[in-house]
Structure formats: C-alpha cells, structure tokens
Amino acid sequence: MDLNNTTVKYYKDPVTNENLSIEIIYPKDSNNSIRKICVPIDQTNTEYQAILAWVAEGNTIQEAD
C-alpha cells in the first residue's frame, strides 16, 4: 500500500466517539477525482498492518474531524 502523498486519518463512531477505522484519501487524479478507502482497525487486516508499518517508520495518523 503506497501512502505517499495521501491523507491518513481516523474515522470515529459518531455515537461512541471511538476510532472505528482509518480513512486514506488519495490526491486528485487526472480526471479531478479523489479516491478514498476506509480500513478497519483490525490486526488481521493486511491493509491495517501496512498502515502500522507506515506509522513505525515515523509517520502519523491524523485525528478524526
């Protein structure tokens, strides 16, 4: 998973205020479209594991809005 030039931030449950997932927002493409994916906070999820490795390299997940 390439997280270069992306926004990586938590998504919170509006009721419990707990972090539910991590939203990855890619920059606009040549068609001016923005791609977003939502990765569940789950140790068995390979995309979540890639995010944890990215954090281990010194990067930070932004807090939810």
C-alpha atoms as a PDB file:
ATOM      1  CA  MET A   1       0.000   0.000   0.000  1.00  0.00           C
ATOM      2  CA  ASP A   2       1.510   3.308  -1.086  1.00  0.00           C
ATOM      3  CA  LEU A   3       0.696   6.035   1.426  1.00  0.00           C
ATOM      4  CA  ASN A   4       2.909   8.703  -0.133  1.00  0.00           C
ATOM      5  CA  ASN A   5       1.056  11.952  -0.821  1.00  0.00           C
ATOM      6  CA  THR A   6      -2.072  10.716   0.958  1.00  0.00           C
ATOM      7  CA  THR A   7      -4.074  11.923   3.922  1.00  0.00           C
ATOM      8  CA  VAL A   8      -4.341   9.214   6.569  1.00  0.00           C
ATOM      9  CA  LYS A   9      -6.789   9.890   9.392  1.00  0.00           C
ATOM     10  CA  TYR A  10      -9.026   8.153  11.880  1.00  0.00           C
ATOM     11  CA  TYR A  11     -12.781   7.877  11.443  1.00  0.00           C
ATOM     12  CA  LYS A  12     -14.761   7.979  14.691  1.00  0.00           C
ATOM     13  CA  ASP A  13     -18.108   6.468  15.526  1.00  0.00           C
ATOM     14  CA  PRO A  14     -20.421   9.475  15.984  1.00  0.00           C
ATOM     15  CA  VAL A  15     -22.220   7.790  18.893  1.00  0.00           C
ATOM     16  CA  THR A  16     -19.392   6.238  20.919  1.00  0.00           C
ATOM     17  CA  ASN A  17     -16.622   8.616  19.751  1.00  0.00           C
ATOM     18  CA  GLU A  18     -14.296   5.602  19.345  1.00  0.00           C
ATOM     19  CA  ASN A  19     -11.934   5.209  16.386  1.00  0.00           C
ATOM     20  CA  LEU A  20     -13.575   2.684  14.060  1.00  0.00           C
ATOM     21  CA  SER A  21     -11.380   2.804  11.012  1.00  0.00           C
ATOM     22  CA  ILE A  22      -8.692   4.703   9.163  1.00  0.00           C
ATOM     23  CA  GLU A  23      -9.565   6.742   6.097  1.00  0.00           C
ATOM     24  CA  ILE A  24      -6.992   7.078   3.348  1.00  0.00           C
ATOM     25  CA  ILE A  25      -7.565   9.922   0.905  1.00  0.00           C
ATOM     26  CA  TYR A  26      -5.514   9.945  -2.287  1.00  0.00           C
ATOM     27  CA  PRO A  27      -4.767  13.159  -4.222  1.00  0.00           C
ATOM     28  CA  LYS A  28      -6.903  14.164  -7.171  1.00  0.00           C
ATOM     29  CA  ASP A  29      -6.179  12.193 -10.320  1.00  0.00           C
ATOM     30  CA  SER A  30      -6.056  13.448 -13.906  1.00  0.00           C
ATOM     31  CA  ASN A  31      -9.883  13.397 -14.025  1.00  0.00           C
ATOM     32  CA  ASN A  32     -10.037  15.566 -10.895  1.00  0.00           C
ATOM     33  CA  SER A  33     -11.460  12.626  -8.927  1.00  0.00           C
ATOM     34  CA  ILE A  34     -10.496  11.803  -5.362  1.00  0.00           C
ATOM     35  CA  ARG A  35     -10.204   8.182  -4.241  1.00  0.00           C
ATOM     36  CA  LYS A  36     -10.888   7.263  -0.619  1.00  0.00           C
ATOM     37  CA  ILE A  37     -10.648   3.938   1.142  1.00  0.00           C
ATOM     38  CA  CYS A  38     -11.620   3.002   4.657  1.00  0.00           C
ATOM     39  CA  VAL A  39      -9.500   0.434   6.504  1.00  0.00           C
ATOM     40  CA  PRO A  40     -10.945  -1.248   9.601  1.00  0.00           C
ATOM     41  CA  ILE A  41      -8.864  -1.243  12.762  1.00  0.00           C
ATOM     42  CA  ASP A  42      -8.292  -4.991  12.778  1.00  0.00           C
ATOM     43  CA  GLN A  43      -4.957  -6.677  13.473  1.00  0.00           C
ATOM     44  CA  THR A  44      -5.709  -9.405  10.899  1.00  0.00           C
ATOM     45  CA  ASN A  45      -6.337  -6.903   8.088  1.00  0.00           C
ATOM     46  CA  THR A  46      -3.289  -6.658   5.803  1.00  0.00           C
ATOM     47  CA  GLU A  47      -4.025  -3.025   4.886  1.00  0.00           C
ATOM     48  CA  TYR A  48      -4.163  -2.129   8.579  1.00  0.00           C
ATOM     49  CA  GLN A  49      -0.844  -3.927   9.085  1.00  0.00           C
ATOM     50  CA  ALA A  50       0.647  -1.819   6.252  1.00  0.00           C
ATOM     51  CA  ILE A  51      -0.583   1.346   7.971  1.00  0.00           C
ATOM     52  CA  LEU A  52       1.018   0.224  11.243  1.00  0.00           C
ATOM     53  CA  ALA A  53       4.318  -0.340   9.402  1.00  0.00           C
ATOM     54  CA  TRP A  54       3.999   3.152   7.892  1.00  0.00           C
ATOM     55  CA  VAL A  55       3.473   4.580  11.406  1.00  0.00           C
ATOM     56  CA  ALA A  56       6.503   2.610  12.669  1.00  0.00           C
ATOM     57  CA  GLU A  57       8.574   4.466  10.044  1.00  0.00           C
ATOM     58  CA  GLY A  58       7.745   7.741  11.818  1.00  0.00           C
ATOM     59  CA  ASN A  59       4.512   8.765  10.119  1.00  0.00           C
ATOM     60  CA  THR A  60       1.368   9.854  11.966  1.00  0.00           C
ATOM     61  CA  ILE A  61      -2.323   9.110  11.557  1.00  0.00           C
ATOM     62  CA  GLN A  62      -4.314  12.346  11.831  1.00  0.00           C
ATOM     63  CA  GLU A  63      -7.103  12.628  14.368  1.00  0.00           C
ATOM     64  CA  ALA A  64     -10.691  12.450  13.094  1.00  0.00           C
ATOM     65  CA  ASP A  65     -12.535  15.654  12.207  1.00  0.00           C
END
